[in-house]
Protein backbone atom coordinates (compact mmCIF):
# COMPACT_ATOMS: atom_id res chain seq x y z
CA MET A 1 235.50 89.06 -259.56
CA ALA A 2 233.00 86.28 -259.09
CA GLY A 3 233.25 83.17 -261.17
CA PRO A 4 230.68 82.16 -263.75
CA VAL A 5 227.38 80.70 -262.63
CA GLN A 6 226.60 77.13 -263.62
CA VAL A 7 223.66 77.42 -266.00
CA GLU A 8 221.29 74.61 -266.84
CA THR A 9 221.08 74.13 -270.59
CA ALA A 10 217.56 72.73 -270.34
CA ARG A 11 215.04 73.03 -267.53
CA ASP A 12 212.36 70.62 -266.46
CA LEU A 13 209.00 71.94 -267.67
CA GLU A 14 206.84 69.38 -265.93
CA PRO A 15 203.46 70.82 -264.93
CA ALA A 16 203.30 72.52 -261.56
CA ASP A 17 201.04 71.07 -258.89
CA THR A 18 197.98 73.31 -259.12
CA THR A 19 196.06 71.78 -256.23
CA ASN A 20 197.33 74.44 -253.82
CA PHE A 21 196.62 77.58 -255.86
CA ARG A 22 193.81 78.91 -258.00
CA GLU A 23 195.41 82.14 -259.20
CA PHE A 24 198.84 82.86 -260.62
CA ARG A 25 199.74 86.56 -260.61
CA VAL A 26 202.61 88.19 -262.49
CA ILE A 27 203.49 91.71 -261.34
CA LEU A 28 205.82 93.49 -263.77
CA VAL A 29 207.73 96.60 -262.69
CA LYS A 30 209.88 98.89 -264.80
CA PRO A 31 212.18 100.48 -262.17
CA SER A 32 213.12 104.13 -262.16
CA ARG A 33 216.39 105.54 -260.77
CA TYR A 34 217.43 107.89 -257.97
CA ASP A 35 218.00 111.62 -258.51
CA ASP A 36 220.99 113.51 -257.10
CA ASP A 37 219.15 113.94 -253.77
CA GLY A 38 218.53 110.21 -253.53
CA TYR A 39 214.79 110.24 -254.31
CA VAL A 40 213.12 108.08 -256.94
CA VAL A 41 212.58 109.97 -260.21
CA GLN A 42 208.80 109.86 -260.51
CA TRP A 43 206.00 111.94 -262.04
CA PHE A 44 202.24 112.27 -262.00
CA ARG A 45 202.46 111.60 -265.76
CA SER A 46 205.73 110.37 -267.30
CA ALA A 47 206.88 111.23 -270.81
CA VAL A 48 208.26 108.17 -272.58
CA PRO A 49 206.37 104.86 -272.40
CA SER A 50 208.43 101.75 -271.71
CA ASN A 51 208.59 99.52 -274.76
CA THR A 52 210.13 96.67 -272.77
CA LEU A 53 207.30 96.74 -270.24
CA ALA A 54 204.73 96.57 -273.05
CA THR A 55 206.57 93.74 -274.79
CA VAL A 56 206.99 91.60 -271.68
CA HIS A 57 203.39 92.27 -270.59
CA GLY A 58 202.21 90.97 -273.96
CA LEU A 59 204.36 87.84 -273.64
CA PHE A 60 203.01 86.97 -270.18
CA GLU A 61 199.44 87.68 -271.30
CA HIS A 62 199.97 85.27 -274.19
CA CYS A 63 201.34 82.69 -271.75
CA GLY A 64 198.16 82.99 -269.67
CA GLN A 65 195.92 82.79 -272.74
CA ARG A 66 197.54 79.47 -273.68
CA GLY A 67 196.39 78.08 -270.33
CA VAL A 68 199.78 77.20 -268.93
CA PHE A 69 198.16 75.90 -265.69
CA GLY A 70 194.90 74.73 -267.19
CA GLU A 71 191.42 76.17 -267.05
CA ASP A 72 191.09 75.98 -263.27
CA VAL A 73 193.85 78.52 -262.55
CA ARG A 74 193.22 82.21 -263.17
CA PHE A 75 196.27 83.88 -264.76
CA VAL A 76 196.65 87.62 -264.02
CA VAL A 77 199.27 90.06 -265.34
CA GLU A 78 199.67 93.61 -264.06
CA SER A 79 202.32 96.14 -265.10
CA HIS A 80 203.67 99.28 -263.44
CA ASP A 81 206.20 101.87 -264.56
CA GLU A 82 207.89 103.35 -261.51
CA THR A 83 208.46 106.64 -263.31
CA ASN A 84 204.71 107.27 -262.85
CA THR A 85 203.64 104.79 -260.14
CA ARG A 86 204.78 104.36 -256.56
CA ILE A 87 205.96 100.81 -255.91
CA ARG A 88 205.30 99.44 -252.41
CA PRO A 89 206.92 96.03 -251.89
CA GLU A 90 204.82 95.19 -248.83
CA ARG A 91 201.59 95.64 -250.80
CA ILE A 92 202.93 93.54 -253.67
CA ALA A 93 203.88 90.79 -251.22
CA ALA A 94 200.38 90.85 -249.72
CA ARG A 95 198.80 90.34 -253.16
CA LEU A 96 201.13 87.48 -254.06
CA GLN A 97 200.85 85.72 -250.70
CA ALA A 98 197.07 85.78 -250.39
CA PRO A 99 195.40 82.36 -249.90
CA GLY A 100 195.27 80.35 -253.12
CA VAL A 101 197.66 82.70 -254.97
CA ARG A 102 201.13 82.13 -256.36
CA GLY A 103 203.15 84.38 -258.57
CA LEU A 104 206.29 86.40 -259.14
CA VAL A 105 207.60 89.92 -259.61
CA GLY A 106 209.43 90.71 -262.83
CA LEU A 107 211.80 93.70 -262.78
CA VAL A 108 211.96 94.36 -266.52
CA GLY A 109 213.99 96.54 -268.87
CA VAL A 110 216.55 97.37 -266.18
CA GLN A 111 219.15 99.75 -267.58
CA SER A 112 222.48 100.39 -265.87
CA ASN A 113 221.29 103.62 -264.19
CA GLN A 114 218.20 101.79 -262.90
CA TYR A 115 220.07 98.77 -261.53
CA PRO A 116 220.70 100.21 -258.01
CA ARG A 117 217.00 101.01 -257.60
CA ALA A 118 216.03 97.62 -259.02
CA MET A 119 218.29 95.92 -256.49
CA ASP A 120 216.77 97.89 -253.60
CA LEU A 121 213.31 96.76 -254.70
CA ALA A 122 214.56 93.20 -255.10
CA ARG A 123 216.06 93.17 -251.59
CA SER A 124 212.79 94.34 -250.06
CA LEU A 125 210.75 91.81 -252.04
CA ARG A 126 213.08 88.91 -251.29
CA ALA A 127 213.03 89.79 -247.58
CA LEU A 128 209.26 89.40 -247.78
CA GLY A 129 209.59 86.00 -249.44
CA VAL A 130 208.54 87.11 -252.95
CA PRO A 131 210.00 85.32 -256.02
CA VAL A 132 211.80 87.90 -258.22
CA CYS A 133 213.17 87.74 -261.76
CA MET A 134 215.17 90.61 -263.26
CA GLY A 135 216.13 91.33 -266.87
CA GLY A 136 217.22 94.19 -269.06
CA PHE A 137 220.10 95.75 -270.94
CA HIS A 138 222.43 95.98 -267.94
CA ILE A 139 222.29 92.26 -267.28
CA SER A 140 222.41 91.19 -270.92
CA GLY A 141 225.12 93.71 -271.79
CA SER A 142 227.37 92.81 -268.87
CA LEU A 143 227.15 89.10 -269.60
CA ALA A 144 227.76 89.68 -273.31
CA MET A 145 230.87 91.86 -272.99
CA LEU A 146 232.54 91.13 -269.64
CA PRO A 147 234.14 87.96 -268.27
CA GLY A 148 232.14 85.82 -265.87
CA VAL A 149 229.41 87.29 -263.70
CA GLN A 150 230.14 90.76 -262.36
CA PRO A 151 229.81 91.42 -258.59
CA GLU A 152 226.54 93.37 -258.79
CA LEU A 153 224.93 90.50 -260.72
CA GLN A 154 226.34 87.92 -258.34
CA GLU A 155 224.83 89.88 -255.46
CA ALA A 156 221.41 89.50 -257.07
CA LEU A 157 221.92 85.77 -257.55
CA ASP A 158 223.02 85.41 -253.93
CA LEU A 159 219.73 87.04 -252.87
CA GLY A 160 217.84 84.40 -254.82
CA VAL A 161 216.90 86.80 -257.62
CA ALA A 162 216.64 85.05 -260.98
CA LEU A 163 218.45 86.87 -263.80
CA PHE A 164 217.19 86.77 -267.39
CA ALA A 165 219.56 87.56 -270.28
CA GLY A 166 218.43 87.92 -273.87
CA GLU A 167 214.93 88.24 -275.31
CA ALA A 168 211.81 86.55 -273.93
CA GLU A 169 209.89 85.71 -277.12
CA ALA A 170 209.52 82.08 -278.28
CA ASP A 171 207.49 81.12 -275.17
CA ARG A 172 210.48 81.58 -272.85
CA VAL A 173 208.40 83.21 -270.15
CA GLU A 174 206.62 79.89 -269.63
CA GLU A 175 209.84 78.54 -268.13
CA ILE A 176 209.90 81.43 -265.66
CA VAL A 177 206.23 80.94 -264.76
CA ARG A 178 206.50 77.19 -264.16
CA ASP A 179 209.65 77.52 -262.05
CA ALA A 180 207.99 80.22 -259.93
CA ALA A 181 204.88 78.08 -259.43
CA ARG A 182 207.04 75.18 -258.18
CA GLY A 183 209.12 77.43 -255.92
CA LYS A 184 212.25 76.87 -258.04
CA LEU A 185 212.72 80.31 -259.57
CA GLY A 186 216.37 81.32 -259.40
CA GLY A 187 219.76 81.29 -261.12
CA LEU A 188 220.53 82.54 -264.60
CA TYR A 189 218.23 82.12 -267.59
CA ASP A 190 220.60 82.89 -270.44
CA TYR A 191 219.16 83.21 -273.95
CA SER A 192 221.55 85.92 -275.06
CA LYS A 193 223.01 83.85 -277.90
CA ASP A 194 219.63 82.71 -279.22
CA LEU A 195 217.84 85.74 -280.63
CA PRO A 196 214.27 84.90 -281.66
CA GLU A 197 212.45 86.00 -284.79
CA LEU A 198 209.84 88.71 -284.23
CA SER A 199 207.38 87.93 -286.99
CA GLY A 200 204.27 86.44 -285.46
CA ALA A 201 205.36 87.17 -281.89
CA PRO A 202 202.63 88.06 -279.36
CA VAL A 203 201.31 91.61 -279.58
CA PRO A 204 203.02 93.99 -277.13
CA GLY A 205 200.75 96.24 -275.15
CA LEU A 206 199.80 97.62 -271.76
CA PRO A 207 196.37 97.94 -270.15
CA LYS A 208 194.54 101.22 -270.43
CA SER A 209 195.05 101.98 -266.73
CA THR A 210 198.83 101.88 -267.24
CA LEU A 211 198.84 103.87 -270.50
CA GLN A 212 196.81 106.64 -268.88
CA ARG A 213 199.78 107.41 -266.64
CA THR A 214 201.83 108.66 -269.61
CA VAL A 215 201.71 112.07 -271.25
CA ALA A 216 199.26 112.03 -274.19
CA ARG A 217 198.45 108.36 -273.44
CA GLN A 218 200.96 107.22 -276.02
CA ALA A 219 202.17 103.67 -276.47
CA SER A 220 205.33 102.20 -277.94
CA PHE A 221 206.42 99.15 -279.91
CA ASP A 222 209.42 97.96 -281.85
CA ALA A 223 208.94 97.03 -285.50
CA GLY A 224 212.48 95.63 -285.60
CA ARG A 225 215.55 94.97 -283.47
CA GLY A 226 219.28 94.88 -284.11
CA CYS A 227 221.61 97.27 -285.91
CA PRO A 228 224.28 96.58 -288.57
CA PHE A 229 226.66 99.33 -287.45
CA GLN A 230 229.51 99.31 -284.94
CA CYS A 231 229.20 102.53 -282.90
CA SER A 232 231.52 101.95 -279.94
CA PHE A 233 229.24 103.68 -277.40
CA CYS A 234 226.19 101.58 -278.30
CA THR A 235 224.92 98.53 -276.40
CA ILE A 236 222.25 97.53 -278.92
CA ILE A 237 224.61 95.68 -281.28
CA ASN A 238 225.96 93.56 -278.42
CA VAL A 239 222.57 92.76 -276.87
CA GLN A 240 220.13 92.64 -279.80
CA GLY A 241 222.72 91.73 -282.40
CA ARG A 242 223.89 93.25 -285.67
CA LYS A 243 221.43 91.23 -287.73
CA SER A 244 218.16 93.09 -288.13
CA ARG A 245 214.99 91.20 -287.22
CA HIS A 246 211.53 92.55 -288.00
CA ARG A 247 207.84 92.31 -287.29
CA SER A 248 205.57 91.85 -290.29
CA PRO A 249 203.04 94.45 -291.49
CA ASP A 250 200.30 92.13 -290.13
CA ASP A 251 201.99 92.25 -286.72
CA VAL A 252 202.14 96.05 -286.77
CA GLU A 253 198.51 96.33 -287.82
CA ALA A 254 197.50 94.03 -284.96
CA ILE A 255 199.44 96.21 -282.51
CA VAL A 256 197.79 99.40 -283.77
CA ARG A 257 194.28 97.95 -283.77
CA SER A 258 194.59 96.45 -280.28
CA HIS A 259 195.64 99.85 -278.91
CA PHE A 260 193.01 101.76 -280.91
CA GLU A 261 190.36 99.67 -279.17
CA GLN A 262 191.63 101.30 -275.94
CA GLY A 263 191.51 104.77 -277.46
CA VAL A 264 195.27 104.96 -278.14
CA SER A 265 196.52 106.17 -281.54
CA HIS A 266 199.80 107.90 -280.61
CA PHE A 267 202.82 105.60 -280.93
CA PHE A 268 206.57 105.76 -280.49
CA ILE A 269 208.20 103.19 -282.80
CA THR A 270 211.36 102.41 -280.89
CA ASP A 271 213.48 100.88 -283.68
CA ASP A 272 216.97 102.34 -283.39
CA ASN A 273 216.74 103.10 -287.12
CA PHE A 274 213.34 102.53 -288.73
CA ALA A 275 214.67 103.69 -292.10
CA ARG A 276 216.75 100.50 -292.31
CA ASN A 277 213.85 98.18 -291.48
CA ARG A 278 213.48 96.12 -294.64
CA ASN A 279 209.70 96.14 -294.15
CA TRP A 280 209.46 99.93 -293.80
CA GLU A 281 207.47 100.47 -296.99
CA ALA A 282 205.02 97.63 -296.41
CA ILE A 283 204.53 98.83 -292.83
CA PHE A 284 204.00 102.43 -293.94
CA ASP A 285 201.54 101.26 -296.63
CA ARG A 286 199.57 99.37 -294.00
CA LEU A 287 199.54 102.38 -291.66
CA ILE A 288 198.50 104.66 -294.52
CA ALA A 289 195.56 102.36 -295.20
CA LEU A 290 194.57 102.45 -291.53
CA ARG A 291 194.63 106.25 -291.59
CA GLU A 292 192.95 106.79 -294.96
CA SER A 293 190.48 103.87 -295.08
CA ASP A 294 189.81 103.08 -291.44
CA LYS A 295 190.10 106.72 -290.30
CA ILE A 296 192.49 105.89 -287.44
CA LYS A 297 194.19 109.20 -286.67
CA LEU A 298 197.69 107.87 -286.13
CA LYS A 299 200.44 110.06 -284.70
CA LEU A 300 203.87 108.48 -284.87
CA THR A 301 207.36 109.23 -283.57
CA ILE A 302 210.19 107.34 -285.26
CA GLN A 303 213.99 107.22 -285.16
CA VAL A 304 216.01 107.39 -288.38
CA ASP A 305 219.50 107.99 -289.74
CA THR A 306 220.91 111.03 -291.51
CA LEU A 307 220.55 109.50 -294.98
CA CYS A 308 216.90 108.46 -294.80
CA HIS A 309 215.90 111.23 -297.24
CA ARG A 310 217.83 109.42 -299.96
CA ILE A 311 215.51 106.40 -299.78
CA PRO A 312 212.94 106.96 -302.56
CA GLY A 313 209.51 107.63 -301.10
CA PHE A 314 210.50 107.15 -297.46
CA ILE A 315 209.76 110.64 -296.15
CA GLU A 316 206.65 111.10 -298.29
CA LYS A 317 205.16 107.83 -297.04
CA ALA A 318 206.21 108.61 -293.47
CA GLY A 319 204.10 111.77 -293.65
CA ARG A 320 201.09 109.92 -295.02
CA ALA A 321 201.48 107.21 -292.36
CA GLY A 322 201.18 109.81 -289.60
CA VAL A 323 204.77 110.57 -288.58
CA LYS A 324 204.72 113.86 -286.64
CA LYS A 325 208.09 113.71 -284.87
CA VAL A 326 211.37 112.21 -285.98
CA PHE A 327 214.48 111.60 -283.91
CA ILE A 328 217.71 111.76 -285.89
CA GLY A 329 221.00 110.22 -284.80
CA LEU A 330 223.14 113.31 -285.33
CA GLU A 331 225.50 112.48 -282.39
CA ASN A 332 228.24 114.97 -283.34
CA ILE A 333 229.43 117.08 -286.26
CA ASN A 334 233.16 116.80 -285.66
CA PRO A 335 234.54 114.10 -288.04
CA GLU A 336 237.37 113.22 -285.66
CA SER A 337 234.83 112.48 -282.92
CA LEU A 338 232.67 110.40 -285.23
CA LYS A 339 235.68 108.47 -286.47
CA SER A 340 236.77 107.62 -282.91
CA ALA A 341 233.28 106.27 -282.22
CA LYS A 342 233.29 104.17 -285.44
CA LYS A 343 230.36 106.27 -286.64
CA LYS A 344 231.73 106.98 -290.10
CA GLN A 345 228.29 106.97 -291.65
CA ASN A 346 227.39 110.48 -290.41
CA ARG A 347 228.36 113.35 -292.72
CA LEU A 348 227.35 116.93 -292.11
CA SER A 349 226.86 117.39 -295.86
CA GLU A 350 223.64 115.39 -295.60
CA TYR A 351 222.08 117.01 -292.56
CA ARG A 352 220.58 120.17 -293.99
CA ALA A 353 218.89 118.53 -296.99
CA MET A 354 217.49 115.77 -294.79
CA MET A 355 216.02 118.11 -292.18
CA GLN A 356 214.55 120.36 -294.84
CA ALA A 357 212.88 117.31 -296.39
CA TRP A 358 211.19 116.49 -293.07
CA HIS A 359 210.10 120.09 -292.64
CA ARG A 360 208.46 120.08 -296.05
CA ILE A 361 205.91 117.57 -294.71
CA GLY A 362 205.50 119.42 -291.41
CA VAL A 363 207.43 116.99 -289.18
CA LEU A 364 209.17 118.20 -286.03
CA THR A 365 212.84 117.16 -285.95
CA TYR A 366 214.74 116.04 -282.84
CA ALA A 367 218.43 115.27 -282.70
CA GLY A 368 220.71 113.88 -280.03
CA TYR A 369 224.20 115.33 -279.58
CA ILE A 370 226.89 113.47 -277.65
CA ILE A 371 229.42 115.46 -275.62
CA GLY A 372 232.74 114.00 -274.54
CA PHE A 373 234.33 112.40 -277.58
CA PRO A 374 238.15 112.39 -277.38
CA ALA A 375 238.50 115.37 -279.73
CA ASP A 376 236.01 117.51 -277.77
CA THR A 377 236.96 120.53 -275.69
CA ALA A 378 234.70 123.06 -274.01
CA GLU A 379 235.58 125.52 -276.78
CA SER A 380 235.01 123.09 -279.65
CA ILE A 381 231.65 122.01 -278.21
CA GLN A 382 230.53 125.62 -277.96
CA ARG A 383 231.71 126.31 -281.50
CA ASP A 384 229.96 123.23 -282.91
CA ILE A 385 226.66 124.15 -281.28
CA GLU A 386 226.84 127.66 -282.68
CA THR A 387 227.47 126.13 -286.11
CA ILE A 388 224.42 123.92 -285.71
CA GLN A 389 222.28 126.87 -284.64
CA ARG A 390 223.34 128.84 -287.66
CA GLU A 391 223.47 126.21 -290.38
CA LEU A 392 221.11 123.32 -289.55
CA PRO A 393 217.32 123.52 -289.19
CA ILE A 394 217.10 121.24 -286.15
CA ASP A 395 214.04 121.98 -284.05
CA ILE A 396 214.86 120.23 -280.77
CA LEU A 397 218.41 119.32 -279.81
CA GLU A 398 219.16 117.26 -276.71
CA PHE A 399 222.55 116.59 -275.19
CA PHE A 400 224.07 113.44 -273.72
CA ASN A 401 227.42 112.77 -272.13
CA LEU A 402 229.45 110.03 -273.75
CA THR A 403 228.99 107.19 -271.28
CA PRO A 404 230.73 103.79 -271.16
CA LEU A 405 227.54 101.80 -270.75
CA PRO A 406 228.02 98.18 -269.70
CA GLY A 407 227.45 96.20 -272.86
CA SER A 408 229.25 98.67 -275.12
CA ALA A 409 232.68 98.33 -276.71
CA ASP A 410 233.75 101.53 -274.89
CA HIS A 411 232.97 100.00 -271.49
CA GLN A 412 234.67 96.72 -272.39
CA ARG A 413 237.84 98.53 -273.46
CA LEU A 414 238.04 100.65 -270.31
CA PHE A 415 237.28 97.61 -268.16
CA ASN A 416 240.07 95.60 -269.77
CA GLU A 417 242.50 98.53 -269.42
CA GLY A 418 241.62 98.97 -265.75
CA THR A 419 240.75 102.62 -266.39
CA TRP A 420 238.67 104.52 -263.82
CA MET A 421 234.93 104.49 -264.38
CA GLU A 422 232.23 105.82 -262.06
CA PRO A 423 231.46 103.01 -259.57
CA ASP A 424 227.88 104.18 -258.91
CA LEU A 425 225.72 102.74 -261.69
CA ASN A 426 222.92 105.16 -260.77
CA ARG A 427 224.94 107.88 -262.52
CA TYR A 428 225.06 106.05 -265.86
CA ASP A 429 222.09 108.06 -267.13
CA LEU A 430 223.94 109.82 -270.00
CA ASP A 431 223.68 113.08 -268.07
CA HIS A 432 226.45 112.58 -265.50
CA VAL A 433 230.17 112.27 -266.23
CA THR A 434 231.25 108.68 -265.59
CA MET A 435 234.82 108.51 -266.95
CA ASP A 436 237.88 110.70 -267.40
CA HIS A 437 238.59 112.82 -270.47
CA ALA A 438 241.96 113.70 -271.95
CA ARG A 439 241.10 117.36 -272.58
CA MET A 440 238.54 118.20 -269.91
CA SER A 441 238.32 117.68 -266.18
CA ARG A 442 235.23 115.88 -264.90
CA GLU A 443 233.87 119.17 -263.58
CA GLY A 444 234.73 120.94 -266.85
CA TRP A 445 233.02 118.25 -268.86
CA GLN A 446 229.85 118.48 -266.77
CA GLU A 447 229.85 122.26 -267.12
CA ALA A 448 230.34 121.91 -270.89
CA ASN A 449 227.18 119.81 -270.95
CA ARG A 450 225.19 122.43 -269.05
CA LEU A 451 226.64 125.22 -271.22
CA ALA A 452 225.50 123.32 -274.31
CA TRP A 453 221.91 123.32 -273.02
CA ARG A 454 222.09 127.02 -272.14
CA THR A 455 223.58 127.92 -275.51
CA TYR A 456 221.10 126.04 -277.66
CA TYR A 457 218.10 127.14 -275.60
CA SER A 458 219.12 130.76 -275.31
CA TRP A 459 216.28 133.22 -275.81
CA GLU A 460 217.83 134.35 -279.07
CA HIS A 461 217.81 130.86 -280.50
CA MET A 462 214.40 129.97 -279.07
CA GLU A 463 213.08 132.95 -281.04
CA THR A 464 214.82 131.59 -284.14
CA LEU A 465 213.18 128.19 -283.59
CA LEU A 466 209.75 129.82 -283.41
CA ARG A 467 210.43 131.85 -286.58
CA ARG A 468 211.55 128.72 -288.41
CA ALA A 469 208.40 126.94 -287.25
CA CYS A 470 206.27 129.67 -288.81
CA ALA A 471 208.28 129.48 -292.02
CA THR A 472 208.09 125.68 -292.35
CA GLY A 473 204.43 125.16 -291.47
CA ILE A 474 204.94 123.72 -288.01
CA LYS A 475 202.52 125.14 -285.46
CA PRO A 476 204.38 127.73 -283.36
CA SER A 477 202.33 126.67 -280.34
CA LYS A 478 203.61 123.11 -280.78
CA MET A 479 207.19 124.37 -280.98
CA ALA A 480 206.69 126.54 -277.90
CA ARG A 481 205.41 123.53 -275.93
CA MET A 482 208.46 121.50 -276.91
CA ILE A 483 210.81 124.33 -275.94
CA LEU A 484 209.02 124.64 -272.60
CA TRP A 485 209.46 120.92 -271.98
CA PHE A 486 213.13 120.68 -272.91
CA HIS A 487 214.33 123.99 -271.52
CA GLY A 488 212.21 123.73 -268.36
CA SER A 489 213.19 120.13 -267.54
CA ILE A 490 216.91 120.70 -267.57
CA THR A 491 216.81 124.23 -266.11
CA TYR A 492 214.33 123.85 -263.26
CA GLU A 493 214.15 120.11 -262.55
CA ASN A 494 217.77 119.23 -263.37
CA ILE A 495 216.35 116.19 -265.16
CA HIS A 496 216.98 115.22 -268.76
CA PRO A 497 213.81 115.93 -270.79
CA LEU A 498 213.45 112.26 -271.76
CA GLU A 499 213.13 111.45 -268.04
CA SER A 500 210.73 114.29 -267.38
CA GLY A 501 206.96 114.43 -266.97
CA TYR A 502 204.01 116.34 -265.53
CA PHE A 503 204.42 117.33 -261.87
CA ARG A 504 207.34 115.82 -260.02
CA ARG A 505 206.42 113.44 -257.17
CA ARG A 506 208.63 112.73 -254.18
CA HIS A 507 207.92 110.40 -251.26
CA ARG A 508 209.83 110.82 -248.05
CA ARG A 509 210.23 107.10 -247.47
CA ASP A 510 211.36 106.35 -251.04
CA ARG A 511 214.92 107.55 -250.59
CA ARG A 512 218.06 105.64 -251.45
CA PRO A 513 218.98 103.47 -248.44
CA THR A 514 222.54 104.80 -248.42
CA LEU A 515 221.18 108.26 -247.53
CA PRO A 516 219.41 109.23 -244.28
CA ARG A 517 215.64 109.56 -244.25
CA GLU A 518 214.64 113.19 -243.74
CA SER A 519 212.35 114.07 -240.86
CA VAL A 520 208.74 115.07 -241.43
CA TRP A 521 209.50 118.60 -240.22
CA ARG A 522 212.34 119.00 -242.71
CA PHE A 523 211.02 117.14 -245.75
CA TYR A 524 207.50 118.53 -246.17
CA PRO A 525 208.21 122.29 -245.69
CA LYS A 526 211.18 121.99 -248.06
CA ARG A 527 209.09 120.09 -250.58
CA ALA A 528 206.25 122.63 -250.42
CA ALA A 529 208.67 125.51 -251.00
CA GLU A 530 210.24 123.63 -253.90
CA VAL A 531 206.87 123.05 -255.57
CA VAL A 532 205.87 126.71 -255.22
CA ARG A 533 209.20 127.88 -256.60
CA LYS A 534 209.15 125.57 -259.62
CA VAL A 535 205.54 126.30 -260.47
CA ALA A 536 206.34 130.01 -260.42
CA GLN A 537 209.44 129.49 -262.60
CA LEU A 538 207.59 127.38 -265.14
CA ALA A 539 204.66 129.81 -265.20
CA GLY A 540 207.08 132.65 -265.88
CA LEU A 541 208.76 130.69 -268.67
CA LEU A 542 205.38 129.78 -270.16
CA LEU A 543 204.21 133.40 -270.11
CA ARG A 544 207.41 134.67 -271.68
CA LEU A 545 207.26 132.01 -274.41
CA GLU A 546 203.61 132.81 -275.08
CA LEU A 547 204.39 136.51 -275.56
CA LEU A 548 207.36 135.68 -277.78
CA GLN A 549 205.28 133.25 -279.84
CA ARG A 550 202.56 135.84 -280.43
CA ARG A 551 205.08 138.48 -281.50
CA VAL A 552 206.80 136.07 -283.88
CA GLN A 553 203.46 135.07 -285.42
CA ARG A 554 202.44 138.70 -285.93
CA GLU A 555 205.72 139.52 -287.63
CA ALA A 556 205.63 136.34 -289.76
CA ALA A 557 202.24 137.38 -291.14
CA HIS A 558 203.86 140.47 -292.68
CA THR A 559 207.47 139.45 -293.30
CA PRO A 560 208.31 135.88 -294.36
CA TYR A 561 211.33 134.53 -292.48
CA THR A 562 214.32 132.69 -293.88
CA ASP A 563 217.92 132.02 -292.90
CA ALA A 564 220.86 129.90 -294.01
CA ALA A 565 219.44 126.76 -292.42
CA LEU A 566 216.15 127.07 -294.31
CA THR A 567 217.61 127.96 -297.68
CA PRO A 568 217.34 125.06 -300.14
CA ASP A 569 220.10 124.72 -302.69
CA THR A 570 221.96 122.15 -304.74
CA GLU A 571 225.11 122.55 -302.74
CA GLN A 572 225.74 120.86 -299.42
CA LEU A 573 227.83 121.63 -296.40
CA ASP A 574 230.98 119.68 -295.67
CA TRP A 575 232.86 119.81 -292.40
CA SER A 576 236.51 119.09 -293.09
CA SER A 577 238.96 117.60 -290.62
CA GLU A 578 241.20 120.58 -291.26
CA ALA A 579 238.45 123.02 -290.27
CA ALA A 580 237.51 121.02 -287.19
CA ALA A 581 241.12 121.04 -286.02
CA ARG A 582 241.51 124.83 -286.18
CA PRO A 583 242.22 126.63 -282.91
CA PRO A 584 239.02 127.88 -281.21
CA SER A 585 240.12 131.48 -281.69
CA GLN A 586 239.91 131.13 -285.46
CA PRO A 587 236.58 131.07 -287.29
CA VAL A 588 235.56 127.69 -288.59
CA PRO A 589 234.73 127.85 -292.30
CA LEU A 590 232.17 125.54 -293.85
CA ARG A 591 233.50 124.14 -297.07
CA VAL A 592 230.87 123.91 -299.81
CA THR A 593 231.02 121.04 -302.28
CA SER A 594 228.81 120.03 -305.13
CA ALA A 595 226.63 117.04 -304.42
CA ALA A 596 227.90 115.43 -307.59
CA ASN A 597 231.52 115.73 -306.45
CA ALA A 598 230.98 114.73 -302.82
CA PRO A 599 232.79 111.56 -301.72
CA GLU A 600 230.91 108.29 -301.80
CA ARG A 601 228.55 108.15 -298.83
CA ASP A 602 227.80 105.22 -296.61
CA ARG A 603 224.41 103.65 -297.10
CA ALA A 604 223.04 104.31 -293.64
CA SER A 605 223.69 105.57 -290.15
CA ALA A 606 222.59 104.42 -286.74
């Protein structure tokens, strides 16, 4: 293991000599990752906008607006998300090395699964003489939880790539810019133990040309960072801290208005748990005013915990503020699994009432389910999903493998124990198995993940989802589109829906360097056949869903639908440890308890 890097505690910020350049250009890139065939995961239109890219773009724009090099130097910032844009290092180098131009490339928001691709881009750029700085959760998490500098980070430093740890607010990008202008960019810029306040920070945002490359032209921003909980699989608490920091309502209004001027009114608020943002009500009130007084037709997606419905007025104001989709941190319903992950705050007894409350205001509910906790077996996973299908009115459920992400307590523990973990960081995408399991083989675990997708998105349950949509006031066509997206992505593209998009793009030359480049005569005929096959498969799925949707709507017009998951009552479900531990061959009863007699509940969940 490499030793620690000597880090300067303070850097010289003397002005750069601007006599030799008249333009400083910052090119920001959010790297993608490689798929199982070694090609960059890329789409004509990608699904989820990068919040980090928007935040860092806003910080560099603010740096330029302050005139860091004076009025005689033009300051230009451009941003690209590789999930929807092909990155060509030689073209970037040509732009940065034109006469009178200096600049740098920032590889931003690099997660562990994106680190191999980021390094390949960095190698190409450094070989062309381009200054490169890289930051993101993998770097910050590794430095926060592991001793010294790990080999993959040391490799970047040895290439002359500057590494940035922590958050870049508080004018920290100016240090990067000045060092790059003087040809001194390099080493480790470590701000991980100095987390800045967010109130009054520069407005995050991306140019219209970049936003147009996402589905529905949606944007993203964080209204707060940090989380007070201790989930062992999470990296947020070790990178962004356990103390919550927040933007003000004025900040949020400025973000919304700046995007609305570009025709953007669809936002993903990326807070890990917006319900625990102490400014939630003031922010919602401001957004309600924008919708009702200024006629800005906001559409919001937020992330919340399983107890948010117990906050007086939260769901009602969320609906008025424009929340249309909500992601809920369900994670698992087995109490032994939740206990092992230090996620004690989740209780199944709350789930049904909470989801019904969201449905009453017409909001589509998403939930994430983690597979691979120590208590899990293939049989218990199957049983739990069937319980969810029957008892909980979740609309869209997505599955993730428990992954020891660098920066998490799980990864630190396995690292210290010397336990095997997948050496290829490209596979740390929450969809591949990256560690051993006491009750399942690696192959069995991966198959359990795929079986979970097939079980939840069976045709029988997809029909149930459409019937529930009709019963709860959600447009069946909207539900059908979401089913198409989630079922089609995993079934036909073998890509997690959150990494999916419109029309998959592959470029023959953009293959992982460790794999051979395919010949023209092999690549293009195979790619053409693949496109035809997938288009036919998706068209067939779309047609079948359309016919099913129409039948469900006709029947709903005559016979109102209900089931156990939709039935409101004063009693709540409770999943006991005794029931969860029963052999798979025995039915798993759901114990019913009165809300008044239920044990004291934690205040929140991540």
